[in-house]
PDB file of N, CA and C in Angstrom:
ATOM      1  N   UNK A   1     -26.525   0.412 -31.522  1.00  0.00           N
ATOM      2  CA  UNK A   1     -25.520  -0.586 -31.043  1.00  0.00           C
ATOM      3  C   UNK A   1     -24.234   0.148 -30.678  1.00  0.00           C
ATOM      4  N   UNK A   2     -23.815   1.057 -31.501  1.00  0.00           N
ATOM      5  CA  UNK A   2     -22.511   1.725 -31.205  1.00  0.00           C
ATOM      6  C   UNK A   2     -22.612   2.501 -29.902  1.00  0.00           C
ATOM      7  N   UNK A   3     -23.761   3.163 -29.643  1.00  0.00           N
ATOM      8  CA  UNK A   3     -23.880   3.916 -28.426  1.00  0.00           C
ATOM      9  C   UNK A   3     -23.765   2.972 -27.217  1.00  0.00           C
ATOM     10  N   UNK A   4     -24.360   1.824 -27.274  1.00  0.00           N
ATOM     11  CA  UNK A   4     -24.299   0.878 -26.170  1.00  0.00           C
ATOM     12  C   UNK A   4     -22.851   0.509 -25.901  1.00  0.00           C
ATOM     13  N   UNK A   5     -22.055   0.243 -26.914  1.00  0.00           N
ATOM     14  CA  UNK A   5     -20.671  -0.140 -26.768  1.00  0.00           C
ATOM     15  C   UNK A   5     -19.905   0.995 -26.044  1.00  0.00           C
ATOM     16  N   UNK A   6     -20.153   2.211 -26.485  1.00  0.00           N
ATOM     17  CA  UNK A   6     -19.455   3.352 -25.912  1.00  0.00           C
ATOM     18  C   UNK A   6     -19.772   3.477 -24.400  1.00  0.00           C
ATOM     19  N   UNK A   7     -21.040   3.232 -24.056  1.00  0.00           N
ATOM     20  CA  UNK A   7     -21.461   3.334 -22.640  1.00  0.00           C
ATOM     21  C   UNK A   7     -20.708   2.262 -21.871  1.00  0.00           C
ATOM     22  N   UNK A   8     -20.583   1.036 -22.409  1.00  0.00           N
ATOM     23  CA  UNK A   8     -19.920  -0.026 -21.681  1.00  0.00           C
ATOM     24  C   UNK A   8     -18.466   0.355 -21.451  1.00  0.00           C
ATOM     25  N   UNK A   9     -17.819   0.938 -22.460  1.00  0.00           N
ATOM     26  CA  UNK A   9     -16.400   1.293 -22.298  1.00  0.00           C
ATOM     27  C   UNK A   9     -16.251   2.332 -21.220  1.00  0.00           C
ATOM     28  N   UNK A  10     -17.177   3.325 -21.160  1.00  0.00           N
ATOM     29  CA  UNK A  10     -17.089   4.327 -20.126  1.00  0.00           C
ATOM     30  C   UNK A  10     -17.238   3.683 -18.737  1.00  0.00           C
ATOM     31  N   UNK A  11     -18.194   2.810 -18.621  1.00  0.00           N
ATOM     32  CA  UNK A  11     -18.406   2.157 -17.332  1.00  0.00           C
ATOM     33  C   UNK A  11     -17.204   1.352 -16.958  1.00  0.00           C
ATOM     34  N   UNK A  12     -16.550   0.687 -17.923  1.00  0.00           N
ATOM     35  CA  UNK A  12     -15.369  -0.127 -17.644  1.00  0.00           C
ATOM     36  C   UNK A  12     -14.239   0.759 -17.131  1.00  0.00           C
ATOM     37  N   UNK A  13     -14.078   1.912 -17.760  1.00  0.00           N
ATOM     38  CA  UNK A  13     -13.007   2.829 -17.310  1.00  0.00           C
ATOM     39  C   UNK A  13     -13.246   3.261 -15.863  1.00  0.00           C
ATOM     40  N   UNK A  14     -14.485   3.609 -15.550  1.00  0.00           N
ATOM     41  CA  UNK A  14     -14.765   4.010 -14.210  1.00  0.00           C
ATOM     42  C   UNK A  14     -14.473   2.912 -13.222  1.00  0.00           C
ATOM     43  N   UNK A  15     -14.869   1.678 -13.558  1.00  0.00           N
ATOM     44  CA  UNK A  15     -14.619   0.532 -12.650  1.00  0.00           C
ATOM     45  C   UNK A  15     -13.166   0.330 -12.469  1.00  0.00           C
ATOM     46  N   UNK A  16     -12.364   0.475 -13.535  1.00  0.00           N
ATOM     47  CA  UNK A  16     -10.949   0.272 -13.438  1.00  0.00           C
ATOM     48  C   UNK A  16     -10.321   1.320 -12.517  1.00  0.00           C
ATOM     49  N   UNK A  17     -10.813   2.548 -12.573  1.00  0.00           N
ATOM     50  CA  UNK A  17     -10.261   3.550 -11.684  1.00  0.00           C
ATOM     51  C   UNK A  17     -10.526   3.205 -10.218  1.00  0.00           C
ATOM     52  N   UNK A  18     -11.718   2.714  -9.961  1.00  0.00           N
ATOM     53  CA  UNK A  18     -12.059   2.336  -8.582  1.00  0.00           C
ATOM     54  C   UNK A  18     -11.144   1.234  -8.116  1.00  0.00           C
ATOM     55  N   UNK A  19     -10.881   0.249  -8.929  1.00  0.00           N
ATOM     56  CA  UNK A  19     -10.036  -0.861  -8.561  1.00  0.00           C
ATOM     57  C   UNK A  19      -8.601  -0.367  -8.279  1.00  0.00           C
ATOM     58  N   UNK A  20      -8.166   0.546  -9.127  1.00  0.00           N
ATOM     59  CA  UNK A  20      -6.766   1.100  -8.898  1.00  0.00           C
ATOM     60  C   UNK A  20      -6.716   1.785  -7.572  1.00  0.00           C
ATOM     61  N   UNK A  21      -7.759   2.543  -7.254  1.00  0.00           N
ATOM     62  CA  UNK A  21      -7.717   3.290  -5.998  1.00  0.00           C
ATOM     63  C   UNK A  21      -7.602   2.335  -4.826  1.00  0.00           C
ATOM     64  N   UNK A  22      -8.323   1.215  -4.922  1.00  0.00           N
ATOM     65  CA  UNK A  22      -8.289   0.231  -3.793  1.00  0.00           C
ATOM     66  C   UNK A  22      -6.904  -0.310  -3.660  1.00  0.00           C
ATOM     67  N   UNK A  23      -6.269  -0.620  -4.802  1.00  0.00           N
ATOM     68  CA  UNK A  23      -4.920  -1.185  -4.778  1.00  0.00           C
ATOM     69  C   UNK A  23      -3.929  -0.191  -4.143  1.00  0.00           C
ATOM     70  N   UNK A  24      -4.094   1.070  -4.509  1.00  0.00           N
ATOM     71  CA  UNK A  24      -3.188   2.110  -3.946  1.00  0.00           C
ATOM     72  C   UNK A  24      -3.324   2.137  -2.437  1.00  0.00           C
ATOM     73  N   UNK A  25      -4.577   2.040  -1.938  1.00  0.00           N
ATOM     74  CA  UNK A  25      -4.773   2.124  -0.496  1.00  0.00           C
ATOM     75  C   UNK A  25      -4.081   0.931   0.176  1.00  0.00           C
ATOM     76  N   UNK A  26      -4.174  -0.240  -0.406  1.00  0.00           N
ATOM     77  CA  UNK A  26      -3.512  -1.432   0.157  1.00  0.00           C
ATOM     78  C   UNK A  26      -2.043  -1.222   0.188  1.00  0.00           C
ATOM     79  N   UNK A  27      -1.490  -0.678  -0.904  1.00  0.00           N
ATOM     80  CA  UNK A  27      -0.003  -0.477  -0.916  1.00  0.00           C
ATOM     81  C   UNK A  27       0.435   0.472   0.147  1.00  0.00           C
ATOM     82  N   UNK A  28      -0.377   1.547   0.353  1.00  0.00           N
ATOM     83  CA  UNK A  28      -0.023   2.516   1.418  1.00  0.00           C
ATOM     84  C   UNK A  28      -0.020   1.817   2.745  1.00  0.00           C
ATOM     85  N   UNK A  29      -1.027   0.974   3.009  1.00  0.00           N
ATOM     86  CA  UNK A  29      -1.086   0.302   4.311  1.00  0.00           C
ATOM     87  C   UNK A  29       0.140  -0.608   4.478  1.00  0.00           C
ATOM     88  N   UNK A  30       0.523  -1.303   3.449  1.00  0.00           N
ATOM     89  CA  UNK A  30       1.684  -2.192   3.544  1.00  0.00           C
ATOM     90  C   UNK A  30       2.948  -1.367   3.814  1.00  0.00           C
ATOM     91  N   UNK A  31       3.102  -0.229   3.143  1.00  0.00           N
ATOM     92  CA  UNK A  31       4.275   0.586   3.386  1.00  0.00           C
ATOM     93  C   UNK A  31       4.307   1.065   4.871  1.00  0.00           C
ATOM     94  N   UNK A  32       3.160   1.442   5.392  1.00  0.00           N
ATOM     95  CA  UNK A  32       3.150   1.925   6.791  1.00  0.00           C
ATOM     96  C   UNK A  32       3.575   0.775   7.682  1.00  0.00           C
ATOM     97  N   UNK A  33       3.058  -0.446   7.451  1.00  0.00           N
ATOM     98  CA  UNK A  33       3.437  -1.568   8.338  1.00  0.00           C
ATOM     99  C   UNK A  33       4.950  -1.817   8.212  1.00  0.00           C
ATOM    100  N   UNK A  34       5.524  -1.756   7.037  1.00  0.00           N
ATOM    101  CA  UNK A  34       6.985  -1.967   6.885  1.00  0.00           C
ATOM    102  C   UNK A  34       7.772  -0.922   7.649  1.00  0.00           C
ATOM    103  N   UNK A  35       7.305   0.347   7.566  1.00  0.00           N
ATOM    104  CA  UNK A  35       7.986   1.384   8.295  1.00  0.00           C
ATOM    105  C   UNK A  35       7.939   1.117   9.783  1.00  0.00           C
ATOM    106  N   UNK A  36       6.821   0.677  10.326  1.00  0.00           N
ATOM    107  CA  UNK A  36       6.698   0.382  11.760  1.00  0.00           C
ATOM    108  C   UNK A  36       7.657  -0.727  12.132  1.00  0.00           C
ATOM    109  N   UNK A  37       7.711  -1.748  11.298  1.00  0.00           N
ATOM    110  CA  UNK A  37       8.598  -2.886  11.580  1.00  0.00           C
ATOM    111  C   UNK A  37      10.059  -2.428  11.616  1.00  0.00           C
ATOM    112  N   UNK A  38      10.406  -1.580  10.689  1.00  0.00           N
ATOM    113  CA  UNK A  38      11.827  -1.075  10.627  1.00  0.00           C
ATOM    114  C   UNK A  38      12.114  -0.275  11.888  1.00  0.00           C
ATOM    115  N   UNK A  39      11.186   0.526  12.327  1.00  0.00           N
ATOM    116  CA  UNK A  39      11.437   1.306  13.522  1.00  0.00           C
ATOM    117  C   UNK A  39      11.680   0.382  14.723  1.00  0.00           C
ATOM    118  N   UNK A  40      10.808  -0.641  14.814  1.00  0.00           N
ATOM    119  CA  UNK A  40      10.977  -1.585  15.955  1.00  0.00           C
ATOM    120  C   UNK A  40      12.314  -2.231  15.909  1.00  0.00           C
ATOM    121  N   UNK A  41      12.732  -2.688  14.716  1.00  0.00           N
ATOM    122  CA  UNK A  41      14.018  -3.350  14.617  1.00  0.00           C
ATOM    123  C   UNK A  41      15.138  -2.450  15.038  1.00  0.00           C
ATOM    124  N   UNK A  42      15.071  -1.169  14.607  1.00  0.00           N
ATOM    125  CA  UNK A  42      16.140  -0.207  15.023  1.00  0.00           C
ATOM    126  C   UNK A  42      16.195  -0.049  16.501  1.00  0.00           C
ATOM    127  N   UNK A  43      15.030   0.028  17.139  1.00  0.00           N
ATOM    128  CA  UNK A  43      15.026   0.195  18.602  1.00  0.00           C
ATOM    129  C   UNK A  43      15.614  -1.058  19.245  1.00  0.00           C
ATOM    130  N   UNK A  44      15.305  -2.231  18.756  1.00  0.00           N
ATOM    131  CA  UNK A  44      15.860  -3.471  19.313  1.00  0.00           C
ATOM    132  C   UNK A  44      17.370  -3.473  19.152  1.00  0.00           C
ATOM    133  N   UNK A  45      17.865  -3.079  18.004  1.00  0.00           N
ATOM    134  CA  UNK A  45      19.309  -3.042  17.786  1.00  0.00           C
ATOM    135  C   UNK A  45      19.993  -2.142  18.747  1.00  0.00           C
ATOM    136  N   UNK A  46      19.414  -0.912  18.922  1.00  0.00           N
ATOM    137  CA  UNK A  46      20.028   0.018  19.854  1.00  0.00           C
ATOM    138  C   UNK A  46      20.053  -0.531  21.245  1.00  0.00           C
ATOM    139  N   UNK A  47      19.002  -1.168  21.690  1.00  0.00           N
ATOM    140  CA  UNK A  47      18.973  -1.717  23.048  1.00  0.00           C
ATOM    141  C   UNK A  47      20.012  -2.854  23.161  1.00  0.00           C
ATOM    142  N   UNK A  48      20.071  -3.723  22.123  1.00  0.00           N
ATOM    143  CA  UNK A  48      20.970  -4.841  22.168  1.00  0.00           C
ATOM    144  C   UNK A  48      22.421  -4.352  22.244  1.00  0.00           C
ATOM    145  N   UNK A  49      22.818  -3.407  21.405  1.00  0.00           N
ATOM    146  CA  UNK A  49      24.175  -2.931  21.443  1.00  0.00           C
ATOM    147  C   UNK A  49      24.508  -2.253  22.729  1.00  0.00           C
ATOM    148  N   UNK A  50      23.610  -1.408  23.196  1.00  0.00           N
ATOM    149  CA  UNK A  50      23.910  -0.634  24.430  1.00  0.00           C
ATOM    150  C   UNK A  50      23.982  -1.630  25.645  1.00  0.00           C
ATOM    151  N   UNK A  51      23.124  -2.627  25.735  1.00  0.00           N
ATOM    152  CA  UNK A  51      23.154  -3.447  26.916  1.00  0.00           C
ATOM    153  C   UNK A  51      24.224  -4.545  26.843  1.00  0.00           C
ATOM    154  N   UNK A  52      24.447  -5.123  25.664  1.00  0.00           N
ATOM    155  CA  UNK A  52      25.326  -6.296  25.567  1.00  0.00           C
ATOM    156  C   UNK A  52      26.781  -5.878  25.549  1.00  0.00           C
ATOM    157  N   UNK A  53      27.141  -4.854  24.780  1.00  0.00           N
ATOM    158  CA  UNK A  53      28.528  -4.547  24.530  1.00  0.00           C
ATOM    159  C   UNK A  53      29.012  -3.390  25.415  1.00  0.00           C
ATOM    160  N   UNK A  54      28.092  -2.624  25.951  1.00  0.00           N
ATOM    161  CA  UNK A  54      28.484  -1.391  26.638  1.00  0.00           C
ATOM    162  C   UNK A  54      29.349  -1.703  27.818  1.00  0.00           C
TER     163      UNK A  54
END
């Protein structure tokens, strides 16, 4: 019985690691999207200032 419990714990740890990896990938994707949005906003601001006030 004890051996079975130990095996379950090991499997659970492995599963947890896999889930964490997936979460990290999602976070990286979100960060990339945010960076792209920021770059677009900066470009729009530059165009707006240059064209409107110049």
